[in-house]
Amino acid sequence: MLNQPADGPGLKKHITGPLLFLFILGDVLGAGVYALVGIIAGEVGGVIWAPMLVALLLALLTAASYAELVTKYPRAGGAAVFAHRAFRVPIVPYLVGFCMLTAGVVSASALALAFSGDYLAVFVDVPPAAGAIVFLVAIALLNARGIKESLRANVVMTALEVSGLVLVVVAVAVMLGGGGGGDVGRAVRFGEDVDPLLGVLGAALLAYYSFVGFETSANMAEEVRDVSRVYPRALFGSLLVAGAMYVLVGTAASVALPADRLESSSAPLLDVVTATGVPVPGWLFSLLALVAVANGALLTMIMASRLTYGMAVQGLFPAVLGRVLPGRGTPWVAIVVTTLAALALTLTGGVAVLAETVVLLLLIVFISTNVAVLVLRREAVEHRHFRAWTPLPVLAVLSCLVLLTQLEAGVWARGGVVLAVGVLLYAVARVRGGQPVRYRRAEEARGRGAGTGRPAERR
């Protein structure tokens, strides 16, 4: 039978459309954009907006698969749930979930260390490890208090994130309006010796990573009200808004400063605002960066705890991880375990090395999800859901494969170690009597009316 949470019937549906939109937007915007502009400028010159648009299109391909599967199977667990239903080899959904979980926990550890580093030192000087521990514990307490409270905090932090990016655009507009400098022509000029096509494609591979984060929302599906209607609108809307922000910020940056200045800077957006002459104090951008990092860590740990909960309910993890806090409706055991894992990573000193495997792990997850949406077309469910145009998941798989070819051998080696650990843990679970395949049978019986296979809607 399907494992049920020990402390109640399941997660509470507290997430509305606007909250989900802001959740995804806050996770996609993240802290990376503050350094990303300079890296892309080094690849293409002033035409920063072009690879941003290409990356947005690549992200929308995989997002279409998530929109279909989340609305078709609205359960915590996300990509692991989809793989569980699509593939008949039990280890596949386990490894998909393990990749997603590992990527999330490592990302949260890296964000915790980033939070307690140079940005925090502007305000208070504390050892990075100590700051990271306090930071992760605070995130865990907010996560355990309730999804509604966590997402309310995300609303505030996302607003501050967006405000920082808007500030860049407005400052450059003021510079142009006041005749204080800037060169609009730089926004349509490629760098010297840059092939336009190859340059844009190469930079798009970098820009693509700035859109990663939307996939975490799949793990919130069980807590979304009217998920079939709300989820696609929130997903595509947030990606389009984030893409528009990236295009505007990239264009503003290239207008304000030449590409070589952006490329050589470790804080390109701060340099852009400084170049405009608009009196914005330096500490303000440090504060906005801290907010962006904190928001990313909060949303990542929400995802990790819900994914752990979902895999426990499926029988892929021990049932104790599916326990829900009475009254709050939050997966408290999963929150504790994922927080302890993140804390351990911050104390090892190896987060920077392991963080490079995050991209590889997420691309594996994306390939699985895009294949799963095609495999599961043969299943009908008794409710309406979003349906992606069939060529979209095919193109999404191809785009992920292209991205994988750009990863270095060292990243593949580290990713292989992570996968090997996942296989070992899976083997231990099976030896101890785990039977994750039972979840699929139980779901098939419940979702198809005990084997009748009669769909409620016909397409």
Protein backbone atom coordinates (compact mmCIF):
# COMPACT_ATOMS: atom_id res chain seq x y z
CA MET A 1 0.00 0.00 0.00
CA LEU A 2 0.94 3.64 -0.34
CA ASN A 3 2.78 4.91 2.73
CA GLN A 4 0.80 7.59 4.53
CA PRO A 5 2.26 10.31 6.71
CA ALA A 6 2.28 9.26 10.31
CA ASP A 7 0.98 12.49 11.75
CA GLY A 8 -1.94 13.31 9.48
CA PRO A 9 -3.52 12.96 6.07
CA GLY A 10 -0.96 15.05 4.20
CA LEU A 11 0.20 18.55 3.36
CA LYS A 12 -2.14 21.53 3.64
CA LYS A 13 -3.21 23.49 0.55
CA HIS A 14 -2.04 26.97 1.52
CA ILE A 15 -0.47 28.05 -1.79
CA THR A 16 -2.48 30.41 -3.99
CA GLY A 17 -1.66 31.49 -7.54
CA PRO A 18 0.13 34.74 -6.57
CA LEU A 19 2.17 32.95 -3.88
CA LEU A 20 3.23 30.27 -6.35
CA PHE A 21 4.14 32.89 -8.95
CA LEU A 22 6.36 34.71 -6.46
CA PHE A 23 7.85 31.42 -5.24
CA ILE A 24 9.01 30.52 -8.75
CA LEU A 25 10.09 34.06 -9.60
CA GLY A 26 12.13 34.37 -6.41
CA ASP A 27 13.84 31.03 -7.02
CA VAL A 28 14.63 31.79 -10.68
CA LEU A 29 15.97 35.30 -10.12
CA GLY A 30 18.26 34.19 -7.32
CA ALA A 31 21.70 35.56 -6.52
CA GLY A 32 23.53 34.43 -9.67
CA VAL A 33 22.37 37.29 -11.87
CA TYR A 34 24.54 39.74 -9.92
CA ALA A 35 27.65 38.08 -11.40
CA LEU A 36 26.19 36.50 -14.53
CA VAL A 37 26.10 39.68 -16.60
CA GLY A 38 29.86 40.04 -16.57
CA ILE A 39 30.47 36.43 -17.61
CA ILE A 40 28.08 36.68 -20.56
CA ALA A 41 29.61 39.99 -21.65
CA GLY A 42 32.94 38.23 -21.91
CA GLU A 43 31.38 35.71 -24.31
CA VAL A 44 29.42 37.98 -26.68
CA GLY A 45 30.37 41.57 -25.98
CA GLY A 46 27.51 44.04 -25.58
CA VAL A 47 24.73 41.86 -26.99
CA ILE A 48 23.94 40.39 -23.58
CA TRP A 49 20.20 40.31 -24.22
CA ALA A 50 20.49 37.79 -27.10
CA PRO A 51 21.78 34.76 -25.12
CA MET A 52 19.31 35.66 -22.36
CA LEU A 53 16.45 35.25 -24.81
CA VAL A 54 17.82 31.96 -26.15
CA ALA A 55 18.22 30.64 -22.60
CA LEU A 56 14.64 31.63 -21.80
CA LEU A 57 13.39 29.61 -24.77
CA LEU A 58 15.42 26.56 -23.64
CA ALA A 59 13.99 26.84 -20.13
CA LEU A 60 10.43 27.14 -21.44
CA LEU A 61 10.83 23.82 -23.31
CA THR A 62 11.42 21.86 -20.11
CA ALA A 63 8.91 24.02 -18.22
CA ALA A 64 6.18 22.81 -20.59
CA SER A 65 6.87 19.21 -19.53
CA TYR A 66 6.71 20.20 -15.86
CA ALA A 67 3.41 22.01 -16.45
CA GLU A 68 1.85 18.89 -17.93
CA LEU A 69 3.13 16.43 -15.35
CA VAL A 70 2.54 18.60 -12.29
CA THR A 71 -1.08 19.26 -13.26
CA LYS A 72 -1.56 15.61 -14.19
CA TYR A 73 0.01 14.19 -11.01
CA PRO A 74 -0.10 16.96 -8.36
CA ARG A 75 1.97 15.29 -5.64
CA ALA A 76 4.94 16.32 -3.53
CA GLY A 77 8.05 14.66 -4.92
CA GLY A 78 8.11 16.30 -8.35
CA ALA A 79 10.44 14.65 -10.85
CA ALA A 80 10.74 11.51 -8.71
CA VAL A 81 6.97 11.00 -8.87
CA PHE A 82 7.00 11.41 -12.64
CA ALA A 83 9.87 8.95 -13.09
CA HIS A 84 8.15 6.50 -10.75
CA ARG A 85 5.08 6.40 -12.94
CA ALA A 86 6.87 6.45 -16.28
CA PHE A 87 9.66 3.89 -15.80
CA ARG A 88 9.25 0.38 -14.51
CA VAL A 89 12.78 0.07 -13.09
CA PRO A 90 12.52 1.15 -9.43
CA ILE A 91 16.06 2.51 -9.24
CA VAL A 92 15.35 5.17 -11.89
CA PRO A 93 12.90 7.29 -9.85
CA TYR A 94 15.09 6.80 -6.83
CA LEU A 95 18.14 8.23 -8.61
CA VAL A 96 16.11 11.05 -10.16
CA GLY A 97 14.88 12.08 -6.74
CA PHE A 98 18.33 11.61 -5.26
CA CYS A 99 19.88 13.85 -7.95
CA MET A 100 17.29 16.55 -7.32
CA LEU A 101 17.66 16.29 -3.56
CA THR A 102 21.46 16.31 -3.66
CA ALA A 103 21.54 19.29 -5.99
CA GLY A 104 19.20 21.19 -3.69
CA VAL A 105 21.05 20.47 -0.47
CA VAL A 106 24.45 21.29 -1.98
CA SER A 107 23.05 24.53 -3.41
CA ALA A 108 21.64 25.51 -0.03
CA SER A 109 25.01 24.81 1.62
CA ALA A 110 26.81 26.97 -0.92
CA LEU A 111 24.26 29.76 -0.44
CA ALA A 112 24.69 29.55 3.33
CA LEU A 113 28.44 30.01 2.98
CA ALA A 114 27.93 32.84 0.50
CA PHE A 115 25.54 34.54 2.91
CA SER A 116 28.04 34.39 5.76
CA GLY A 117 30.98 35.59 3.65
CA ASP A 118 31.88 38.99 2.21
CA TYR A 119 28.31 40.25 1.91
CA LEU A 120 27.58 39.71 5.60
CA ALA A 121 31.02 41.10 6.57
CA VAL A 122 29.85 44.55 5.46
CA PHE A 123 27.50 44.55 8.44
CA VAL A 124 28.98 42.08 10.97
CA ASP A 125 32.19 40.06 11.04
CA VAL A 126 31.56 36.41 12.01
CA PRO A 127 33.32 33.16 11.07
CA PRO A 128 31.75 31.83 7.85
CA ALA A 129 31.01 28.39 9.32
CA ALA A 130 29.24 29.87 12.36
CA GLY A 131 27.25 32.26 10.22
CA ALA A 132 26.23 29.43 7.88
CA ILE A 133 25.01 27.29 10.79
CA VAL A 134 22.87 30.06 12.27
CA PHE A 135 21.56 30.90 8.81
CA LEU A 136 20.49 27.32 7.98
CA VAL A 137 18.86 26.81 11.39
CA ALA A 138 16.85 30.01 10.91
CA ILE A 139 15.78 28.82 7.45
CA ALA A 140 14.72 25.45 8.92
CA LEU A 141 12.64 27.09 11.67
CA LEU A 142 10.84 29.26 9.14
CA ASN A 143 10.28 26.24 6.90
CA ALA A 144 8.87 24.20 9.79
CA ARG A 145 6.60 26.99 10.96
CA GLY A 146 4.48 26.62 7.85
CA ILE A 147 4.46 26.88 4.08
CA LYS A 148 2.20 29.93 4.29
CA GLU A 149 4.66 31.75 6.54
CA SER A 150 7.62 30.70 4.39
CA LEU A 151 5.99 31.95 1.22
CA ARG A 152 4.99 35.22 2.86
CA ALA A 153 8.65 35.77 3.67
CA ASN A 154 9.44 34.91 0.06
CA VAL A 155 7.02 37.62 -1.10
CA VAL A 156 9.01 40.27 0.77
CA MET A 157 12.41 38.93 -0.30
CA THR A 158 11.37 38.54 -3.93
CA ALA A 159 10.13 42.13 -3.95
CA LEU A 160 13.55 43.27 -2.70
CA GLU A 161 15.32 41.09 -5.28
CA VAL A 162 13.30 42.60 -8.10
CA SER A 163 13.81 46.09 -6.66
CA GLY A 164 17.57 45.66 -6.88
CA LEU A 165 17.39 44.72 -10.56
CA VAL A 166 14.90 47.50 -11.31
CA LEU A 167 17.29 49.91 -9.60
CA VAL A 168 19.99 49.00 -12.14
CA VAL A 169 17.69 49.67 -15.08
CA VAL A 170 16.37 52.95 -13.65
CA ALA A 171 19.87 54.20 -12.80
CA VAL A 172 21.04 53.64 -16.39
CA ALA A 173 17.90 55.34 -17.72
CA VAL A 174 18.65 58.36 -15.50
CA MET A 175 22.22 58.39 -16.78
CA LEU A 176 21.03 58.46 -20.40
CA GLY A 177 18.32 61.03 -19.71
CA GLY A 178 20.74 63.35 -17.97
CA GLY A 179 23.38 63.11 -20.68
CA GLY A 180 25.89 61.71 -18.21
CA GLY A 181 27.37 59.05 -20.47
CA GLY A 182 26.56 55.59 -21.71
CA ASP A 183 26.50 54.21 -25.23
CA VAL A 184 23.28 52.69 -26.56
CA GLY A 185 25.12 51.32 -29.58
CA ARG A 186 27.08 48.89 -27.40
CA ALA A 187 23.89 46.88 -26.84
CA VAL A 188 23.91 45.73 -30.48
CA ARG A 189 27.66 45.22 -30.95
CA PHE A 190 29.42 41.88 -30.59
CA GLY A 191 32.88 41.62 -29.14
CA GLU A 192 35.94 41.49 -31.34
CA ASP A 193 36.58 38.11 -32.99
CA VAL A 194 33.19 36.82 -31.77
CA ASP A 195 31.18 34.72 -34.21
CA PRO A 196 27.58 35.94 -33.68
CA LEU A 197 25.93 32.52 -33.89
CA LEU A 198 28.50 30.54 -31.91
CA GLY A 199 28.93 33.37 -29.43
CA VAL A 200 25.22 33.61 -28.65
CA LEU A 201 24.86 29.83 -28.36
CA GLY A 202 27.88 29.55 -26.08
CA ALA A 203 26.70 32.38 -23.85
CA ALA A 204 23.17 30.94 -23.80
CA LEU A 205 24.59 27.85 -22.11
CA LEU A 206 25.75 30.11 -19.29
CA ALA A 207 22.55 32.14 -19.23
CA TYR A 208 20.46 28.95 -19.05
CA TYR A 209 21.67 28.35 -15.52
CA SER A 210 20.13 31.63 -14.41
CA PHE A 211 16.69 30.17 -15.16
CA VAL A 212 17.25 26.99 -13.16
CA GLY A 213 15.03 26.98 -10.09
CA PHE A 214 11.60 26.71 -11.66
CA GLU A 215 11.74 22.92 -11.27
CA THR A 216 11.60 23.21 -7.47
CA SER A 217 7.98 24.34 -7.72
CA ALA A 218 6.95 20.82 -8.80
CA ASN A 219 7.52 19.70 -5.22
CA MET A 220 4.90 22.20 -4.00
CA ALA A 221 2.07 20.80 -6.17
CA GLU A 222 0.33 18.99 -3.32
CA GLU A 223 -0.01 22.30 -1.45
CA VAL A 224 -1.36 24.37 -4.38
CA ARG A 225 -5.03 25.22 -4.61
CA ASP A 226 -6.61 24.38 -7.98
CA VAL A 227 -3.25 23.25 -9.32
CA SER A 228 -4.45 22.43 -12.85
CA ARG A 229 -5.48 26.04 -13.43
CA VAL A 230 -2.94 27.87 -11.28
CA TYR A 231 0.35 26.06 -11.92
CA PRO A 232 0.84 26.66 -15.69
CA ARG A 233 0.00 30.35 -15.33
CA ALA A 234 2.41 30.82 -12.43
CA LEU A 235 5.19 28.80 -14.07
CA PHE A 236 5.18 30.43 -17.50
CA GLY A 237 4.38 33.86 -16.10
CA SER A 238 7.31 33.84 -13.68
CA LEU A 239 9.75 32.62 -16.33
CA LEU A 240 8.63 35.33 -18.75
CA VAL A 241 8.95 38.04 -16.08
CA ALA A 242 12.40 36.76 -15.09
CA GLY A 243 13.44 36.67 -18.74
CA ALA A 244 12.25 40.24 -19.25
CA MET A 245 14.20 41.37 -16.18
CA TYR A 246 17.37 39.65 -17.42
CA VAL A 247 17.06 41.21 -20.87
CA LEU A 248 16.54 44.69 -19.41
CA VAL A 249 19.39 44.35 -16.89
CA GLY A 250 21.76 42.93 -19.52
CA THR A 251 20.95 45.74 -21.95
CA ALA A 252 21.35 48.39 -19.25
CA ALA A 253 24.70 46.94 -18.20
CA SER A 254 26.09 47.01 -21.75
CA VAL A 255 24.87 50.59 -22.23
CA ALA A 256 26.54 51.77 -19.03
CA LEU A 257 29.89 49.97 -19.32
CA PRO A 258 31.94 48.33 -22.08
CA ALA A 259 32.11 44.54 -22.14
CA ASP A 260 35.70 44.33 -20.94
CA ARG A 261 34.85 46.33 -17.82
CA LEU A 262 31.89 44.09 -17.06
CA GLU A 263 33.92 40.93 -17.66
CA SER A 264 36.71 41.95 -15.31
CA SER A 265 34.39 42.89 -12.46
CA SER A 266 33.37 40.56 -9.62
CA ALA A 267 30.37 42.82 -8.90
CA PRO A 268 29.30 44.05 -12.36
CA LEU A 269 25.88 45.39 -11.38
CA LEU A 270 27.33 47.40 -8.52
CA ASP A 271 29.87 48.85 -10.98
CA VAL A 272 27.05 49.66 -13.40
CA VAL A 273 25.13 51.63 -10.76
CA THR A 274 28.31 53.41 -9.68
CA ALA A 275 29.07 54.35 -13.30
CA THR A 276 25.68 56.01 -13.67
CA GLY A 277 26.49 58.59 -11.01
CA VAL A 278 23.18 57.94 -9.26
CA PRO A 279 23.86 58.21 -5.49
CA VAL A 280 23.16 54.65 -4.34
CA PRO A 281 25.19 53.58 -1.26
CA GLY A 282 27.35 50.48 -1.65
CA TRP A 283 25.92 48.85 1.46
CA LEU A 284 22.48 48.83 -0.18
CA PHE A 285 23.60 46.45 -2.91
CA SER A 286 25.26 44.22 -0.29
CA LEU A 287 21.92 44.10 1.53
CA LEU A 288 20.04 43.24 -1.66
CA ALA A 289 22.57 40.49 -2.42
CA LEU A 290 22.07 39.04 1.06
CA VAL A 291 18.32 39.04 0.56
CA ALA A 292 18.71 37.31 -2.80
CA VAL A 293 20.95 34.62 -1.28
CA ALA A 294 18.62 34.11 1.70
CA ASN A 295 15.60 33.81 -0.55
CA GLY A 296 17.33 31.25 -2.75
CA ALA A 297 18.32 29.17 0.27
CA LEU A 298 14.81 29.30 1.75
CA LEU A 299 13.15 28.17 -1.47
CA THR A 300 15.76 25.47 -2.07
CA MET A 301 15.32 24.00 1.40
CA ILE A 302 11.52 24.09 1.02
CA MET A 303 11.99 22.06 -2.16
CA ALA A 304 14.43 19.62 -0.54
CA SER A 305 12.16 18.92 2.42
CA ARG A 306 9.07 18.43 0.22
CA LEU A 307 11.01 16.17 -2.12
CA THR A 308 12.22 14.07 0.80
CA TYR A 309 8.66 13.89 2.14
CA GLY A 310 7.31 12.88 -1.26
CA MET A 311 9.89 10.13 -1.73
CA ALA A 312 9.10 8.81 1.75
CA VAL A 313 5.39 8.66 0.92
CA GLN A 314 6.30 6.75 -2.25
CA GLY A 315 8.29 4.22 -0.25
CA LEU A 316 11.60 5.34 -1.75
CA PHE A 317 12.85 6.71 1.59
CA PRO A 318 12.11 5.50 5.15
CA ALA A 319 8.49 6.16 6.14
CA VAL A 320 9.56 8.28 9.13
CA LEU A 321 10.59 11.04 6.68
CA GLY A 322 6.92 11.34 5.70
CA ARG A 323 5.81 12.51 9.13
CA VAL A 324 3.98 15.84 9.22
CA LEU A 325 4.01 18.32 12.11
CA PRO A 326 0.55 18.34 13.77
CA GLY A 327 -1.25 21.64 13.36
CA ARG A 328 1.36 23.08 11.01
CA GLY A 329 1.09 20.51 8.24
CA THR A 330 4.83 20.71 7.44
CA PRO A 331 7.16 17.70 6.91
CA TRP A 332 9.19 18.26 10.06
CA VAL A 333 11.37 15.13 9.95
CA ALA A 334 12.31 15.82 6.33
CA ILE A 335 13.17 19.42 7.27
CA VAL A 336 15.43 18.28 10.11
CA VAL A 337 17.27 15.69 7.99
CA THR A 338 17.85 17.95 4.98
CA THR A 339 19.02 20.77 7.25
CA LEU A 340 21.49 18.48 9.01
CA ALA A 341 22.83 17.35 5.63
CA ALA A 342 23.28 20.97 4.52
CA LEU A 343 25.00 21.81 7.81
CA ALA A 344 27.40 18.90 7.36
CA LEU A 345 28.34 20.10 3.89
CA THR A 346 29.10 23.62 5.12
CA LEU A 347 31.53 22.17 7.68
CA THR A 348 33.42 19.95 5.24
CA GLY A 349 34.93 22.81 3.25
CA GLY A 350 34.18 20.93 0.01
CA VAL A 351 31.05 22.80 -1.01
CA ALA A 352 32.76 24.77 -3.78
CA VAL A 353 33.99 21.56 -5.42
CA LEU A 354 30.69 19.70 -5.08
CA ALA A 355 28.63 22.70 -6.24
CA GLU A 356 29.92 22.19 -9.79
CA THR A 357 27.98 18.93 -9.94
CA VAL A 358 24.65 20.69 -9.39
CA VAL A 359 24.24 21.53 -13.06
CA LEU A 360 24.95 17.95 -14.13
CA LEU A 361 22.50 16.54 -11.60
CA LEU A 362 19.71 18.89 -12.65
CA LEU A 363 20.20 18.14 -16.34
CA ILE A 364 19.79 14.43 -15.57
CA VAL A 365 16.55 15.29 -13.78
CA PHE A 366 15.34 17.39 -16.72
CA ILE A 367 16.03 14.63 -19.26
CA SER A 368 14.08 12.17 -17.12
CA THR A 369 11.12 14.54 -16.83
CA ASN A 370 11.02 15.34 -20.54
CA VAL A 371 11.08 11.64 -21.45
CA ALA A 372 8.50 10.84 -18.76
CA VAL A 373 5.96 13.27 -20.20
CA LEU A 374 5.99 11.33 -23.48
CA VAL A 375 5.88 7.91 -21.83
CA LEU A 376 2.94 8.89 -19.62
CA ARG A 377 0.82 10.09 -22.52
CA ARG A 378 -0.65 6.57 -22.53
CA GLU A 379 -2.10 7.15 -19.04
CA ALA A 380 -5.35 9.05 -18.58
CA VAL A 381 -6.38 10.74 -15.34
CA GLU A 382 -9.82 11.76 -14.15
CA HIS A 383 -9.26 15.50 -14.16
CA ARG A 384 -8.28 18.18 -16.64
CA HIS A 385 -4.63 19.13 -16.92
CA PHE A 386 -2.20 21.07 -19.07
CA ARG A 387 -0.94 19.28 -22.18
CA ALA A 388 2.32 20.29 -23.86
CA TRP A 389 2.68 20.28 -27.63
CA THR A 390 4.43 16.96 -28.38
CA PRO A 391 7.55 18.38 -30.13
CA LEU A 392 8.36 20.51 -27.06
CA PRO A 393 9.62 17.71 -24.75
CA VAL A 394 11.58 16.23 -27.67
CA LEU A 395 13.32 19.55 -28.25
CA ALA A 396 13.84 19.88 -24.50
CA VAL A 397 15.71 16.55 -24.34
CA LEU A 398 17.93 17.64 -27.21
CA SER A 399 18.68 20.95 -25.49
CA CYS A 400 19.68 19.15 -22.29
CA LEU A 401 22.00 16.85 -24.23
CA VAL A 402 23.66 19.86 -25.84
CA LEU A 403 24.22 21.39 -22.41
CA LEU A 404 25.71 18.14 -21.10
CA THR A 405 28.33 18.19 -23.85
CA GLN A 406 29.63 21.48 -22.47
CA LEU A 407 30.52 20.07 -19.05
CA GLU A 408 34.13 19.26 -18.25
CA ALA A 409 35.43 15.79 -17.40
CA GLY A 410 35.99 16.73 -13.76
CA VAL A 411 32.32 17.60 -13.35
CA TRP A 412 31.32 14.24 -14.83
CA ALA A 413 33.66 12.47 -12.39
CA ARG A 414 32.18 14.22 -9.35
CA GLY A 415 28.67 13.60 -10.63
CA GLY A 416 29.53 9.93 -11.01
CA VAL A 417 30.56 9.78 -7.36
CA VAL A 418 27.23 11.30 -6.29
CA LEU A 419 25.30 8.80 -8.40
CA ALA A 420 27.37 5.95 -6.99
CA VAL A 421 26.44 7.03 -3.47
CA GLY A 422 22.79 7.08 -4.51
CA VAL A 423 23.05 3.54 -5.92
CA LEU A 424 24.68 2.36 -2.69
CA LEU A 425 21.93 3.86 -0.54
CA TYR A 426 19.31 2.31 -2.79
CA ALA A 427 20.93 -1.11 -2.47
CA VAL A 428 20.99 -0.79 1.33
CA ALA A 429 17.29 0.14 1.35
CA ARG A 430 16.39 -2.88 -0.80
CA VAL A 431 18.42 -5.26 1.37
CA ARG A 432 16.49 -3.98 4.39
CA GLY A 433 13.23 -4.83 2.69
CA GLY A 434 12.22 -1.63 0.87
CA GLN A 435 9.63 -2.18 -1.84
CA PRO A 436 9.27 1.16 -3.65
CA VAL A 437 7.51 -0.48 -6.59
CA ARG A 438 4.42 -0.84 -4.40
CA TYR A 439 3.74 2.87 -4.80
CA ARG A 440 3.26 2.54 -8.53
CA ARG A 441 0.80 -0.31 -8.12
CA ALA A 442 -1.17 1.54 -5.48
CA GLU A 443 -1.26 4.68 -7.58
CA GLU A 444 -2.36 2.77 -10.66
CA ALA A 445 -5.17 1.14 -8.72
CA ARG A 446 -6.36 4.42 -7.28
CA GLY A 447 -5.82 6.61 -10.35
CA ARG A 448 -7.40 4.18 -12.80
CA GLY A 449 -10.27 2.92 -10.73
CA ALA A 450 -8.60 -0.36 -9.77
CA GLY A 451 -7.55 -1.18 -13.30
CA THR A 452 -10.52 0.01 -15.33
CA GLY A 453 -8.42 2.56 -17.16
CA ARG A 454 -11.50 4.65 -17.97
CA PRO A 455 -10.51 8.29 -18.44
CA ALA A 456 -12.74 11.11 -17.26
CA GLU A 457 -11.80 13.32 -20.18
CA ARG A 458 -11.09 12.50 -23.75
CA ARG A 459 -8.54 14.37 -25.81
